[in-house]
Amino acid sequence: MPDVYYSPQARRDLKRLEQKVTNRIRSKLRQAADEPASFGKNIERLTGRRGFRLRVADWRVIFDWDAERNIIVHGVMARDKVYKRR
């Protein structure tokens, strides 16, 4: 079964959010690891840089998959700011 790993930046991003939002994002990431096809257009490949984005309400999760289909989360931000971060 695939796992979800968080970068130090992603951990900091999640700490800044309300617990309710953090729990929802973690739940969606767990679900995406188990059944990525079930998310349809909520998971899209990023253009201009490597990785994918997962849409969770007004939040965007930037992540990538490794060879074993584990999810590596790089960052979590509001939708209006996430694409500006490099």
C-alpha atoms as a PDB file:
ATOM      1  CA  MET A   1       0.000   0.000   0.000  1.00  0.00           C
ATOM      2  CA  PRO A   2       1.451   3.416  -0.940  1.00  0.00           C
ATOM      3  CA  ASP A   3       2.402   5.937   1.747  1.00  0.00           C
ATOM      4  CA  VAL A   4       2.337   9.720   1.959  1.00  0.00           C
ATOM      5  CA  TYR A   5       5.556  11.570   2.862  1.00  0.00           C
ATOM      6  CA  TYR A   6       5.810  15.272   3.703  1.00  0.00           C
ATOM      7  CA  SER A   7       8.751  17.565   2.996  1.00  0.00           C
ATOM      8  CA  PRO A   8       9.804  19.953   5.781  1.00  0.00           C
ATOM      9  CA  GLN A   9       8.127  22.785   3.861  1.00  0.00           C
ATOM     10  CA  ALA A  10       4.874  20.823   3.581  1.00  0.00           C
ATOM     11  CA  ARG A  11       4.920  20.119   7.327  1.00  0.00           C
ATOM     12  CA  ARG A  12       5.339  23.848   8.045  1.00  0.00           C
ATOM     13  CA  ASP A  13       2.515  24.675   5.634  1.00  0.00           C
ATOM     14  CA  LEU A  14       0.156  22.217   7.336  1.00  0.00           C
ATOM     15  CA  LYS A  15       1.017  23.519  10.827  1.00  0.00           C
ATOM     16  CA  ARG A  16      -0.156  26.988   9.785  1.00  0.00           C
ATOM     17  CA  LEU A  17      -3.622  25.741   8.822  1.00  0.00           C
ATOM     18  CA  GLU A  18      -6.618  25.027  11.015  1.00  0.00           C
ATOM     19  CA  GLN A  19      -6.746  21.445  12.272  1.00  0.00           C
ATOM     20  CA  LYS A  20      -9.990  20.792  10.403  1.00  0.00           C
ATOM     21  CA  VAL A  21      -8.398  21.813   7.087  1.00  0.00           C
ATOM     22  CA  THR A  22      -5.228  19.833   7.829  1.00  0.00           C
ATOM     23  CA  ASN A  23      -7.257  16.706   8.560  1.00  0.00           C
ATOM     24  CA  ARG A  24      -9.209  17.097   5.323  1.00  0.00           C
ATOM     25  CA  ILE A  25      -6.026  17.525   3.273  1.00  0.00           C
ATOM     26  CA  ARG A  26      -4.368  14.503   4.914  1.00  0.00           C
ATOM     27  CA  SER A  27      -7.489  12.424   4.277  1.00  0.00           C
ATOM     28  CA  LYS A  28      -7.560  13.402   0.593  1.00  0.00           C
ATOM     29  CA  LEU A  29      -3.853  12.615   0.215  1.00  0.00           C
ATOM     30  CA  ARG A  30      -4.363   9.184   1.780  1.00  0.00           C
ATOM     31  CA  GLN A  31      -7.274   8.567  -0.603  1.00  0.00           C
ATOM     32  CA  ALA A  32      -5.186   9.765  -3.576  1.00  0.00           C
ATOM     33  CA  ALA A  33      -2.398   7.368  -2.621  1.00  0.00           C
ATOM     34  CA  ASP A  34      -4.855   4.468  -2.501  1.00  0.00           C
ATOM     35  CA  GLU A  35      -6.995   5.363  -5.548  1.00  0.00           C
ATOM     36  CA  PRO A  36      -5.505   8.159  -7.704  1.00  0.00           C
ATOM     37  CA  ALA A  37      -7.946   7.555 -10.566  1.00  0.00           C
ATOM     38  CA  SER A  38     -10.909   8.405  -8.325  1.00  0.00           C
ATOM     39  CA  PHE A  39      -9.920  12.093  -8.258  1.00  0.00           C
ATOM     40  CA  GLY A  40     -10.412  12.835 -11.957  1.00  0.00           C
ATOM     41  CA  LYS A  41      -9.661  16.523 -12.621  1.00  0.00           C
ATOM     42  CA  ASN A  42      -8.760  17.226  -8.980  1.00  0.00           C
ATOM     43  CA  ILE A  43      -5.282  15.883  -9.740  1.00  0.00           C
ATOM     44  CA  GLU A  44      -3.459  17.510 -12.639  1.00  0.00           C
ATOM     45  CA  ARG A  45       0.107  17.565 -13.890  1.00  0.00           C
ATOM     46  CA  LEU A  46       1.803  20.927 -13.387  1.00  0.00           C
ATOM     47  CA  THR A  47       2.974  22.867 -16.418  1.00  0.00           C
ATOM     48  CA  GLY A  48       6.357  24.528 -16.403  1.00  0.00           C
ATOM     49  CA  ARG A  49       7.654  22.466 -13.497  1.00  0.00           C
ATOM     50  CA  ARG A  50       7.725  18.889 -12.249  1.00  0.00           C
ATOM     51  CA  GLY A  51       4.926  17.419 -10.170  1.00  0.00           C
ATOM     52  CA  PHE A  52       1.183  17.383  -9.724  1.00  0.00           C
ATOM     53  CA  ARG A  53      -1.396  19.387  -7.858  1.00  0.00           C
ATOM     54  CA  LEU A  54      -4.307  18.140  -5.804  1.00  0.00           C
ATOM     55  CA  ARG A  55      -7.237  20.492  -5.338  1.00  0.00           C
ATOM     56  CA  VAL A  56      -8.821  20.400  -1.872  1.00  0.00           C
ATOM     57  CA  ALA A  57     -11.386  23.212  -1.592  1.00  0.00           C
ATOM     58  CA  ASP A  58      -9.440  26.521  -1.646  1.00  0.00           C
ATOM     59  CA  TRP A  59      -6.125  24.768  -1.034  1.00  0.00           C
ATOM     60  CA  ARG A  60      -3.632  23.280  -3.458  1.00  0.00           C
ATOM     61  CA  VAL A  61      -1.262  20.463  -2.585  1.00  0.00           C
ATOM     62  CA  ILE A  62       1.869  20.219  -4.736  1.00  0.00           C
ATOM     63  CA  PHE A  63       3.237  16.669  -4.803  1.00  0.00           C
ATOM     64  CA  ASP A  64       4.954  14.003  -6.831  1.00  0.00           C
ATOM     65  CA  TRP A  65       4.878  10.214  -6.988  1.00  0.00           C
ATOM     66  CA  ASP A  66       7.948   8.025  -6.572  1.00  0.00           C
ATOM     67  CA  ALA A  67       8.620   4.659  -8.235  1.00  0.00           C
ATOM     68  CA  GLU A  68       6.572   2.748  -5.625  1.00  0.00           C
ATOM     69  CA  ARG A  69       3.576   5.111  -6.115  1.00  0.00           C
ATOM     70  CA  ASN A  70       4.197   6.823  -2.751  1.00  0.00           C
ATOM     71  CA  ILE A  71       3.174  10.467  -2.606  1.00  0.00           C
ATOM     72  CA  ILE A  72       5.812  13.050  -1.689  1.00  0.00           C
ATOM     73  CA  VAL A  73       4.150  16.334  -0.687  1.00  0.00           C
ATOM     74  CA  HIS A  74       6.212  19.446  -1.440  1.00  0.00           C
ATOM     75  CA  GLY A  75       3.853  22.185  -0.293  1.00  0.00           C
ATOM     76  CA  VAL A  76       0.325  23.225   0.676  1.00  0.00           C
ATOM     77  CA  MET A  77      -0.940  26.742   0.059  1.00  0.00           C
ATOM     78  CA  ALA A  78      -3.978  28.781  -0.841  1.00  0.00           C
ATOM     79  CA  ARG A  79      -4.844  28.528  -4.504  1.00  0.00           C
ATOM     80  CA  ASP A  80      -3.928  32.159  -5.232  1.00  0.00           C
ATOM     81  CA  LYS A  81      -0.376  31.760  -3.872  1.00  0.00           C
ATOM     82  CA  VAL A  82       0.753  28.204  -4.512  1.00  0.00           C
ATOM     83  CA  TYR A  83       1.799  28.613  -8.140  1.00  0.00           C
ATOM     84  CA  LYS A  84       4.001  31.622  -7.354  1.00  0.00           C
ATOM     85  CA  ARG A  85       6.281  29.618  -5.022  1.00  0.00           C
ATOM     86  CA  ARG A  86       9.289  27.970  -6.643  1.00  0.00           C
END
